[in-house]
Amino acid sequence: MTIMATLSAFVIALCFRLFARSRASAQRVQLTIALCLAAATLFADARFVLKYRNICAQLQQQMHPGQ
């Protein structure tokens, strides 16, 4: 898990926790926007890791052919 995924998951958890406490609609809108941005970041990070994982594995095999 990368740093961006960890931070995004933390922001998502924080948004859900603060959502129950928010009373004003402006706060709820801000939390919803933060939640959407964190979810998009988490999704993009997962796609990036899955896309480039094979390239990194191939490079590691080239560096250590006996393993």
C-alpha atoms as a PDB file:
ATOM      1  CA  MET A   1       0.000   0.000   0.000  1.00  0.00           C
ATOM      2  CA  THR A   2       1.438   3.343  -0.924  1.00  0.00           C
ATOM      3  CA  ILE A   3       1.486   6.514   1.101  1.00  0.00           C
ATOM      4  CA  MET A   4      -1.284   8.092  -0.978  1.00  0.00           C
ATOM      5  CA  ALA A   5      -3.572   5.111  -0.403  1.00  0.00           C
ATOM      6  CA  THR A   6      -2.931   5.231   3.328  1.00  0.00           C
ATOM      7  CA  LEU A   7      -3.654   8.958   3.515  1.00  0.00           C
ATOM      8  CA  SER A   8      -6.783   8.581   1.396  1.00  0.00           C
ATOM      9  CA  ALA A   9      -8.108   5.812   3.625  1.00  0.00           C
ATOM     10  CA  PHE A  10      -7.446   7.991   6.682  1.00  0.00           C
ATOM     11  CA  VAL A  11      -9.325  10.934   5.142  1.00  0.00           C
ATOM     12  CA  ILE A  12     -12.244   8.682   4.223  1.00  0.00           C
ATOM     13  CA  ALA A  13     -12.465   7.353   7.781  1.00  0.00           C
ATOM     14  CA  LEU A  14     -12.230  10.876   9.182  1.00  0.00           C
ATOM     15  CA  CYS A  15     -14.979  12.122   6.850  1.00  0.00           C
ATOM     16  CA  PHE A  16     -17.335   9.348   7.924  1.00  0.00           C
ATOM     17  CA  ARG A  17     -16.642  10.104  11.569  1.00  0.00           C
ATOM     18  CA  LEU A  18     -17.197  13.853  11.159  1.00  0.00           C
ATOM     19  CA  PHE A  19     -20.278  13.372   8.985  1.00  0.00           C
ATOM     20  CA  ALA A  20     -22.322  12.254  12.022  1.00  0.00           C
ATOM     21  CA  ARG A  21     -21.324  15.357  13.980  1.00  0.00           C
ATOM     22  CA  SER A  22     -21.934  17.948  11.263  1.00  0.00           C
ATOM     23  CA  ARG A  23     -25.127  19.935  11.532  1.00  0.00           C
ATOM     24  CA  ALA A  24     -24.814  22.580   8.826  1.00  0.00           C
ATOM     25  CA  SER A  25     -25.352  21.694   5.205  1.00  0.00           C
ATOM     26  CA  ALA A  26     -22.184  23.578   4.230  1.00  0.00           C
ATOM     27  CA  GLN A  27     -20.134  21.256   6.438  1.00  0.00           C
ATOM     28  CA  ARG A  28     -21.797  18.225   4.903  1.00  0.00           C
ATOM     29  CA  VAL A  29     -21.039  19.489   1.415  1.00  0.00           C
ATOM     30  CA  GLN A  30     -17.380  20.047   2.303  1.00  0.00           C
ATOM     31  CA  LEU A  31     -17.142  16.569   3.829  1.00  0.00           C
ATOM     32  CA  THR A  32     -18.799  15.054   0.761  1.00  0.00           C
ATOM     33  CA  ILE A  33     -16.317  16.796  -1.531  1.00  0.00           C
ATOM     34  CA  ALA A  34     -13.387  15.662   0.629  1.00  0.00           C
ATOM     35  CA  LEU A  35     -14.788  12.125   0.636  1.00  0.00           C
ATOM     36  CA  CYS A  36     -15.117  12.103  -3.160  1.00  0.00           C
ATOM     37  CA  LEU A  37     -11.591  13.429  -3.649  1.00  0.00           C
ATOM     38  CA  ALA A  38     -10.144  10.863  -1.249  1.00  0.00           C
ATOM     39  CA  ALA A  39     -12.061   8.049  -2.940  1.00  0.00           C
ATOM     40  CA  ALA A  40     -10.868   9.170  -6.375  1.00  0.00           C
ATOM     41  CA  THR A  41      -7.284   9.338  -5.106  1.00  0.00           C
ATOM     42  CA  LEU A  42      -7.544   5.858  -3.618  1.00  0.00           C
ATOM     43  CA  PHE A  43      -9.012   4.474  -6.850  1.00  0.00           C
ATOM     44  CA  ALA A  44      -6.369   6.159  -9.022  1.00  0.00           C
ATOM     45  CA  ASP A  45      -3.581   4.926  -6.762  1.00  0.00           C
ATOM     46  CA  ALA A  46      -4.867   1.359  -6.913  1.00  0.00           C
ATOM     47  CA  ARG A  47      -5.067   1.502 -10.711  1.00  0.00           C
ATOM     48  CA  PHE A  48      -1.538   2.927 -10.904  1.00  0.00           C
ATOM     49  CA  VAL A  49      -0.135   0.201  -8.658  1.00  0.00           C
ATOM     50  CA  LEU A  50      -1.879  -2.554 -10.589  1.00  0.00           C
ATOM     51  CA  LYS A  51      -0.750  -1.124 -13.929  1.00  0.00           C
ATOM     52  CA  TYR A  52       2.926  -0.724 -13.070  1.00  0.00           C
ATOM     53  CA  ARG A  53       3.353  -3.714 -10.767  1.00  0.00           C
ATOM     54  CA  ASN A  54       4.235  -5.985 -13.701  1.00  0.00           C
ATOM     55  CA  ILE A  55       6.870  -3.570 -15.012  1.00  0.00           C
ATOM     56  CA  CYS A  56       8.548  -3.398 -11.601  1.00  0.00           C
ATOM     57  CA  ALA A  57       8.464  -7.189 -11.246  1.00  0.00           C
ATOM     58  CA  GLN A  58      10.111  -7.606 -14.664  1.00  0.00           C
ATOM     59  CA  LEU A  59      12.861  -5.144 -13.773  1.00  0.00           C
ATOM     60  CA  GLN A  60      13.483  -6.949 -10.505  1.00  0.00           C
ATOM     61  CA  GLN A  61      13.765 -10.267 -12.337  1.00  0.00           C
ATOM     62  CA  GLN A  62      16.293  -8.753 -14.723  1.00  0.00           C
ATOM     63  CA  MET A  63      18.350  -7.449 -11.820  1.00  0.00           C
ATOM     64  CA  HIS A  64      18.225 -10.789  -9.940  1.00  0.00           C
ATOM     65  CA  PRO A  65      17.868 -13.541 -12.575  1.00  0.00           C
ATOM     66  CA  GLY A  66      18.549 -16.435 -10.181  1.00  0.00           C
ATOM     67  CA  GLN A  67      15.633 -15.701  -7.844  1.00  0.00           C
END
